[in-house]
C-alpha atoms as a PDB file:
ATOM      1  CA  UNK A   1      38.320  20.509  42.582  1.00  0.00           C
ATOM      2  CA  UNK A   2      35.981  18.633  44.903  1.00  0.00           C
ATOM      3  CA  UNK A   3      35.744  20.017  48.433  1.00  0.00           C
ATOM      4  CA  UNK A   4      34.892  17.393  51.017  1.00  0.00           C
ATOM      5  CA  UNK A   5      32.745  18.327  53.956  1.00  0.00           C
ATOM      6  CA  UNK A   6      34.362  17.795  57.325  1.00  0.00           C
ATOM      7  CA  UNK A   7      33.233  14.574  58.985  1.00  0.00           C
ATOM      8  CA  UNK A   8      30.616  15.228  61.617  1.00  0.00           C
ATOM      9  CA  UNK A   9      30.467  12.814  64.505  1.00  0.00           C
ATOM     10  CA  UNK A  10      26.990  11.725  65.437  1.00  0.00           C
ATOM     11  CA  UNK A  11      26.349  11.857  69.144  1.00  0.00           C
ATOM     12  CA  UNK A  12      25.261   8.569  70.676  1.00  0.00           C
ATOM     13  CA  UNK A  13      21.961   8.874  72.457  1.00  0.00           C
ATOM     14  CA  UNK A  14      22.338   8.175  76.184  1.00  0.00           C
ATOM     15  CA  UNK A  15      18.855   6.652  76.083  1.00  0.00           C
ATOM     16  CA  UNK A  16      20.104   3.957  73.721  1.00  0.00           C
ATOM     17  CA  UNK A  17      22.712   3.015  76.341  1.00  0.00           C
ATOM     18  CA  UNK A  18      20.085   2.970  79.097  1.00  0.00           C
ATOM     19  CA  UNK A  19      17.897   0.783  76.905  1.00  0.00           C
ATOM     20  CA  UNK A  20      20.739  -1.714  76.415  1.00  0.00           C
ATOM     21  CA  UNK A  21      21.344  -1.812  80.183  1.00  0.00           C
ATOM     22  CA  UNK A  22      17.637  -2.442  80.765  1.00  0.00           C
ATOM     23  CA  UNK A  23      17.693  -5.335  78.293  1.00  0.00           C
ATOM     24  CA  UNK A  24      20.632  -6.924  80.097  1.00  0.00           C
ATOM     25  CA  UNK A  25      18.555  -6.677  83.271  1.00  0.00           C
ATOM     26  CA  UNK A  26      15.541  -8.265  81.535  1.00  0.00           C
ATOM     27  CA  UNK A  27      17.740 -11.139  80.389  1.00  0.00           C
ATOM     28  CA  UNK A  28      18.830 -11.632  84.007  1.00  0.00           C
ATOM     29  CA  UNK A  29      15.192 -11.983  85.078  1.00  0.00           C
ATOM     30  CA  UNK A  30      14.704 -14.606  82.367  1.00  0.00           C
ATOM     31  CA  UNK A  31      17.665 -16.524  83.786  1.00  0.00           C
ATOM     32  CA  UNK A  32      16.108 -16.301  87.255  1.00  0.00           C
ATOM     33  CA  UNK A  33      12.884 -17.831  85.912  1.00  0.00           C
ATOM     34  CA  UNK A  34      14.846 -20.610  84.163  1.00  0.00           C
ATOM     35  CA  UNK A  35      16.722 -21.305  87.396  1.00  0.00           C
ATOM     36  CA  UNK A  36      13.447 -21.495  89.351  1.00  0.00           C
ATOM     37  CA  UNK A  37      12.107 -24.010  86.791  1.00  0.00           C
ATOM     38  CA  UNK A  38      15.223 -26.119  87.330  1.00  0.00           C
ATOM     39  CA  UNK A  39      14.742 -25.914  91.105  1.00  0.00           C
ATOM     40  CA  UNK A  40      11.141 -27.062  90.861  1.00  0.00           C
ATOM     41  CA  UNK A  41      12.051 -30.017  88.666  1.00  0.00           C
ATOM     42  CA  UNK A  42      14.899 -30.982  91.000  1.00  0.00           C
ATOM     43  CA  UNK A  43      12.630 -30.851  94.065  1.00  0.00           C
ATOM     44  CA  UNK A  44       9.948 -32.855  92.303  1.00  0.00           C
ATOM     45  CA  UNK A  45      12.476 -35.497  91.200  1.00  0.00           C
ATOM     46  CA  UNK A  46      13.694 -35.760  94.794  1.00  0.00           C
ATOM     47  CA  UNK A  47      10.147 -36.287  96.078  1.00  0.00           C
ATOM     48  CA  UNK A  48       9.428 -38.817  93.354  1.00  0.00           C
ATOM     49  CA  UNK A  49      12.477 -40.873  94.390  1.00  0.00           C
ATOM     50  CA  UNK A  50      11.419 -41.128  98.041  1.00  0.00           C
ATOM     51  CA  UNK A  51      10.291 -44.638  99.010  1.00  0.00           C
ATOM     52  CA  UNK A  52       6.522 -45.027  98.849  1.00  0.00           C
ATOM     53  CA  UNK A  53       5.981 -41.560  97.394  1.00  0.00           C
ATOM     54  CA  UNK A  54       2.995 -40.897  95.209  1.00  0.00           C
ATOM     55  CA  UNK A  55       1.153 -37.614  94.851  1.00  0.00           C
ATOM     56  CA  UNK A  56      -1.922 -39.020  96.577  1.00  0.00           C
ATOM     57  CA  UNK A  57      -0.282 -40.135  99.823  1.00  0.00           C
ATOM     58  CA  UNK A  58      -1.178 -37.865 102.729  1.00  0.00           C
ATOM     59  CA  UNK A  59       2.321 -37.729 104.156  1.00  0.00           C
ATOM     60  CA  UNK A  60       3.668 -36.216 100.902  1.00  0.00           C
ATOM     61  CA  UNK A  61       0.828 -33.825 100.128  1.00  0.00           C
ATOM     62  CA  UNK A  62       2.416 -31.046 102.204  1.00  0.00           C
ATOM     63  CA  UNK A  63       5.758 -31.533 100.432  1.00  0.00           C
ATOM     64  CA  UNK A  64       4.159 -31.238  97.003  1.00  0.00           C
ATOM     65  CA  UNK A  65       2.190 -28.185  98.133  1.00  0.00           C
ATOM     66  CA  UNK A  66       5.439 -26.653  99.417  1.00  0.00           C
ATOM     67  CA  UNK A  67       7.066 -27.067  95.988  1.00  0.00           C
ATOM     68  CA  UNK A  68       4.096 -25.286  94.376  1.00  0.00           C
ATOM     69  CA  UNK A  69       4.235 -22.520  96.998  1.00  0.00           C
ATOM     70  CA  UNK A  70       7.885 -21.857  96.162  1.00  0.00           C
ATOM     71  CA  UNK A  71       7.005 -21.686  92.464  1.00  0.00           C
ATOM     72  CA  UNK A  72       4.402 -19.028  93.212  1.00  0.00           C
ATOM     73  CA  UNK A  73       6.981 -17.150  95.256  1.00  0.00           C
ATOM     74  CA  UNK A  74       9.560 -17.280  92.442  1.00  0.00           C
ATOM     75  CA  UNK A  75       6.965 -15.996  89.965  1.00  0.00           C
ATOM     76  CA  UNK A  76       6.035 -13.121  92.290  1.00  0.00           C
ATOM     77  CA  UNK A  77       9.719 -12.228  92.631  1.00  0.00           C
ATOM     78  CA  UNK A  78      10.141 -12.293  88.846  1.00  0.00           C
ATOM     79  CA  UNK A  79       7.217  -9.867  88.424  1.00  0.00           C
ATOM     80  CA  UNK A  80       8.664  -7.486  91.035  1.00  0.00           C
ATOM     81  CA  UNK A  81      12.125  -7.629  89.442  1.00  0.00           C
ATOM     82  CA  UNK A  82      10.676  -7.159  85.937  1.00  0.00           C
ATOM     83  CA  UNK A  83       8.843  -4.038  87.071  1.00  0.00           C
ATOM     84  CA  UNK A  84      11.995  -2.805  88.822  1.00  0.00           C
ATOM     85  CA  UNK A  85      13.908  -3.099  85.520  1.00  0.00           C
ATOM     86  CA  UNK A  86      11.315  -0.877  83.821  1.00  0.00           C
ATOM     87  CA  UNK A  87      11.253   1.545  86.752  1.00  0.00           C
ATOM     88  CA  UNK A  88      15.050   1.948  86.850  1.00  0.00           C
ATOM     89  CA  UNK A  89      15.098   2.577  83.098  1.00  0.00           C
ATOM     90  CA  UNK A  90      12.373   5.208  83.423  1.00  0.00           C
ATOM     91  CA  UNK A  91      14.201   6.971  86.253  1.00  0.00           C
ATOM     92  CA  UNK A  92      17.463   6.984  84.270  1.00  0.00           C
ATOM     93  CA  UNK A  93      15.615   8.475  81.306  1.00  0.00           C
ATOM     94  CA  UNK A  94      14.110  11.294  83.376  1.00  0.00           C
ATOM     95  CA  UNK A  95      17.363  11.958  85.290  1.00  0.00           C
ATOM     96  CA  UNK A  96      19.348  12.308  82.069  1.00  0.00           C
ATOM     97  CA  UNK A  97      16.747  14.432  80.321  1.00  0.00           C
ATOM     98  CA  UNK A  98      15.645  16.897  82.988  1.00  0.00           C
ATOM     99  CA  UNK A  99      17.815  16.244  86.032  1.00  0.00           C
ATOM    100  CA  UNK A 100      18.222  13.867  88.954  1.00  0.00           C
ATOM    101  CA  UNK A 101      15.944  15.788  91.377  1.00  0.00           C
ATOM    102  CA  UNK A 102      12.927  15.204  89.105  1.00  0.00           C
ATOM    103  CA  UNK A 103      13.867  11.548  88.749  1.00  0.00           C
ATOM    104  CA  UNK A 104      13.646  11.068  92.534  1.00  0.00           C
ATOM    105  CA  UNK A 105       9.845  11.212  92.364  1.00  0.00           C
ATOM    106  CA  UNK A 106       9.563   9.374  89.031  1.00  0.00           C
ATOM    107  CA  UNK A 107       8.786   6.122  90.838  1.00  0.00           C
ATOM    108  CA  UNK A 108       5.292   7.565  91.320  1.00  0.00           C
ATOM    109  CA  UNK A 109       3.446   6.847  88.108  1.00  0.00           C
ATOM    110  CA  UNK A 110       1.685  10.209  87.886  1.00  0.00           C
ATOM    111  CA  UNK A 111       4.944  12.100  88.525  1.00  0.00           C
ATOM    112  CA  UNK A 112       6.728  10.038  85.878  1.00  0.00           C
ATOM    113  CA  UNK A 113       4.022  10.881  83.326  1.00  0.00           C
ATOM    114  CA  UNK A 114       4.303  14.579  84.219  1.00  0.00           C
ATOM    115  CA  UNK A 115       8.091  14.504  83.814  1.00  0.00           C
ATOM    116  CA  UNK A 116       7.781  12.660  80.508  1.00  0.00           C
ATOM    117  CA  UNK A 117       5.310  15.238  79.210  1.00  0.00           C
ATOM    118  CA  UNK A 118       8.043  17.877  79.654  1.00  0.00           C
ATOM    119  CA  UNK A 119       9.861  16.030  76.865  1.00  0.00           C
ATOM    120  CA  UNK A 120       6.767  16.234  74.691  1.00  0.00           C
ATOM    121  CA  UNK A 121       6.049  12.530  75.189  1.00  0.00           C
ATOM    122  CA  UNK A 122       2.689  11.206  76.316  1.00  0.00           C
ATOM    123  CA  UNK A 123       3.225   7.921  78.152  1.00  0.00           C
ATOM    124  CA  UNK A 124      -0.085   6.552  76.879  1.00  0.00           C
ATOM    125  CA  UNK A 125       1.161   6.742  73.258  1.00  0.00           C
ATOM    126  CA  UNK A 126       4.095   4.400  73.893  1.00  0.00           C
ATOM    127  CA  UNK A 127       3.659   0.851  72.618  1.00  0.00           C
ATOM    128  CA  UNK A 128       2.479  -1.535  75.328  1.00  0.00           C
ATOM    129  CA  UNK A 129       1.988   1.276  77.884  1.00  0.00           C
ATOM    130  CA  UNK A 130      -1.252  -0.331  79.084  1.00  0.00           C
ATOM    131  CA  UNK A 131       0.505  -3.671  79.628  1.00  0.00           C
ATOM    132  CA  UNK A 132       3.372  -2.006  81.492  1.00  0.00           C
ATOM    133  CA  UNK A 133       0.812  -0.271  83.711  1.00  0.00           C
ATOM    134  CA  UNK A 134      -0.719  -3.691  84.382  1.00  0.00           C
ATOM    135  CA  UNK A 135       2.764  -4.938  85.332  1.00  0.00           C
ATOM    136  CA  UNK A 136       3.091  -1.995  87.724  1.00  0.00           C
ATOM    137  CA  UNK A 137      -0.271  -2.833  89.302  1.00  0.00           C
ATOM    138  CA  UNK A 138       0.597  -6.532  89.690  1.00  0.00           C
ATOM    139  CA  UNK A 139       3.865  -5.495  91.336  1.00  0.00           C
ATOM    140  CA  UNK A 140       1.953  -3.270  93.772  1.00  0.00           C
ATOM    141  CA  UNK A 141      -0.520  -6.067  94.506  1.00  0.00           C
ATOM    142  CA  UNK A 142       2.328  -8.493  95.241  1.00  0.00           C
ATOM    143  CA  UNK A 143       4.077  -6.051  97.562  1.00  0.00           C
ATOM    144  CA  UNK A 144       1.097  -4.503  99.336  1.00  0.00           C
ATOM    145  CA  UNK A 145      -2.017  -6.659  99.158  1.00  0.00           C
ATOM    146  CA  UNK A 146      -1.230 -10.166  97.979  1.00  0.00           C
ATOM    147  CA  UNK A 147      -4.609 -10.061  96.264  1.00  0.00           C
ATOM    148  CA  UNK A 148      -6.217  -8.465  93.242  1.00  0.00           C
ATOM    149  CA  UNK A 149      -6.884  -4.933  94.477  1.00  0.00           C
ATOM    150  CA  UNK A 150      -9.038  -2.226  92.923  1.00  0.00           C
ATOM    151  CA  UNK A 151      -6.139  -0.748  90.926  1.00  0.00           C
ATOM    152  CA  UNK A 152      -5.253  -4.070  89.295  1.00  0.00           C
ATOM    153  CA  UNK A 153      -8.937  -4.919  88.761  1.00  0.00           C
ATOM    154  CA  UNK A 154      -9.180  -1.962  86.339  1.00  0.00           C
ATOM    155  CA  UNK A 155      -7.244  -4.077  83.824  1.00  0.00           C
ATOM    156  CA  UNK A 156      -9.357  -6.355  81.649  1.00  0.00           C
ATOM    157  CA  UNK A 157      -7.831  -9.707  82.621  1.00  0.00           C
ATOM    158  CA  UNK A 158      -8.358  -8.980  86.322  1.00  0.00           C
ATOM    159  CA  UNK A 159     -11.795  -7.298  86.368  1.00  0.00           C
ATOM    160  CA  UNK A 160     -13.737 -10.297  87.629  1.00  0.00           C
ATOM    161  CA  UNK A 161     -11.078 -11.279  90.126  1.00  0.00           C
ATOM    162  CA  UNK A 162     -11.082  -8.331  92.547  1.00  0.00           C
ATOM    163  CA  UNK A 163     -10.380  -9.595  96.065  1.00  0.00           C
ATOM    164  CA  UNK A 164      -9.073 -12.957  94.827  1.00  0.00           C
ATOM    165  CA  UNK A 165      -5.581 -14.266  95.503  1.00  0.00           C
ATOM    166  CA  UNK A 166      -3.149 -13.469  92.701  1.00  0.00           C
ATOM    167  CA  UNK A 167      -2.440 -17.122  91.993  1.00  0.00           C
ATOM    168  CA  UNK A 168       0.360 -18.300  89.734  1.00  0.00           C
ATOM    169  CA  UNK A 169       1.933 -15.244  88.101  1.00  0.00           C
ATOM    170  CA  UNK A 170       4.186 -17.247  85.805  1.00  0.00           C
ATOM    171  CA  UNK A 171       1.878 -16.954  82.752  1.00  0.00           C
ATOM    172  CA  UNK A 172       1.618 -13.201  83.380  1.00  0.00           C
ATOM    173  CA  UNK A 173       5.408 -12.906  83.531  1.00  0.00           C
ATOM    174  CA  UNK A 174       5.729 -14.713  80.191  1.00  0.00           C
ATOM    175  CA  UNK A 175       3.039 -12.506  78.646  1.00  0.00           C
ATOM    176  CA  UNK A 176       4.314  -9.184  80.008  1.00  0.00           C
ATOM    177  CA  UNK A 177       8.071  -9.694  79.630  1.00  0.00           C
ATOM    178  CA  UNK A 178       8.242  -9.093  75.821  1.00  0.00           C
ATOM    179  CA  UNK A 179       5.734  -6.233  76.110  1.00  0.00           C
ATOM    180  CA  UNK A 180       7.938  -4.514  78.697  1.00  0.00           C
ATOM    181  CA  UNK A 181      10.851  -4.752  76.271  1.00  0.00           C
ATOM    182  CA  UNK A 182       8.756  -3.217  73.478  1.00  0.00           C
ATOM    183  CA  UNK A 183       7.783  -0.368  75.804  1.00  0.00           C
ATOM    184  CA  UNK A 184      11.451   0.271  76.634  1.00  0.00           C
ATOM    185  CA  UNK A 185      12.340   0.285  72.909  1.00  0.00           C
ATOM    186  CA  UNK A 186       9.610   2.817  72.194  1.00  0.00           C
ATOM    187  CA  UNK A 187      10.635   5.064  75.055  1.00  0.00           C
ATOM    188  CA  UNK A 188      14.255   4.946  73.823  1.00  0.00           C
ATOM    189  CA  UNK A 189      13.060   6.047  70.364  1.00  0.00           C
ATOM    190  CA  UNK A 190      10.891   8.880  71.671  1.00  0.00           C
ATOM    191  CA  UNK A 191      13.457  10.147  74.192  1.00  0.00           C
ATOM    192  CA  UNK A 192      16.188  10.030  71.520  1.00  0.00           C
ATOM    193  CA  UNK A 193      13.970  12.047  69.170  1.00  0.00           C
ATOM    194  CA  UNK A 194      13.617  14.696  71.902  1.00  0.00           C
ATOM    195  CA  UNK A 195      17.369  14.592  72.652  1.00  0.00           C
ATOM    196  CA  UNK A 196      18.374  15.073  69.006  1.00  0.00           C
ATOM    197  CA  UNK A 197      16.562  18.425  69.003  1.00  0.00           C
ATOM    198  CA  UNK A 198      18.485  19.691  72.031  1.00  0.00           C
ATOM    199  CA  UNK A 199      21.536  21.936  71.581  1.00  0.00           C
ATOM    200  CA  UNK A 200      24.835  20.031  71.630  1.00  0.00           C
END
């Protein structure tokens, strides 16, 4: 007679759930960028319809410059929000693994790395960690300096630009957005591996 083993439920990793929430947030940032593109096109169409408007006329130069300035602002906001998505995910990961008090200081990069090392995970081994650090540095530059500071200038694409204005961050958003998602996926995998070895 065949004896069947009792069915064993597999626990769902909380980090998988946090990863899904982070991806919903990333999708929201994408929608924000799409909306800002629509706004720019709508403003440009409005200017183009004005009587006597052409890009070279002095009286419309300020209006065209204003449209570009708003685009820069939208791109800066998208970078800040993108970093915030990563930061919230990282704090949730630390809070669930080793407690909320440790997560309170996880917004500091060094403290986050220290907390992560308690799980046996080195942040530098995660896929796209260098790119996510660049995202963090761009975020800090947007919020604190408005220019390429020394921290951001350590990253290869910014080395020769120290002291310069950040410029249009839209291409950097497009480049860093999928890399941030890869980083989140990797951290979910590593944190889940740690969690599966914990007592139920």
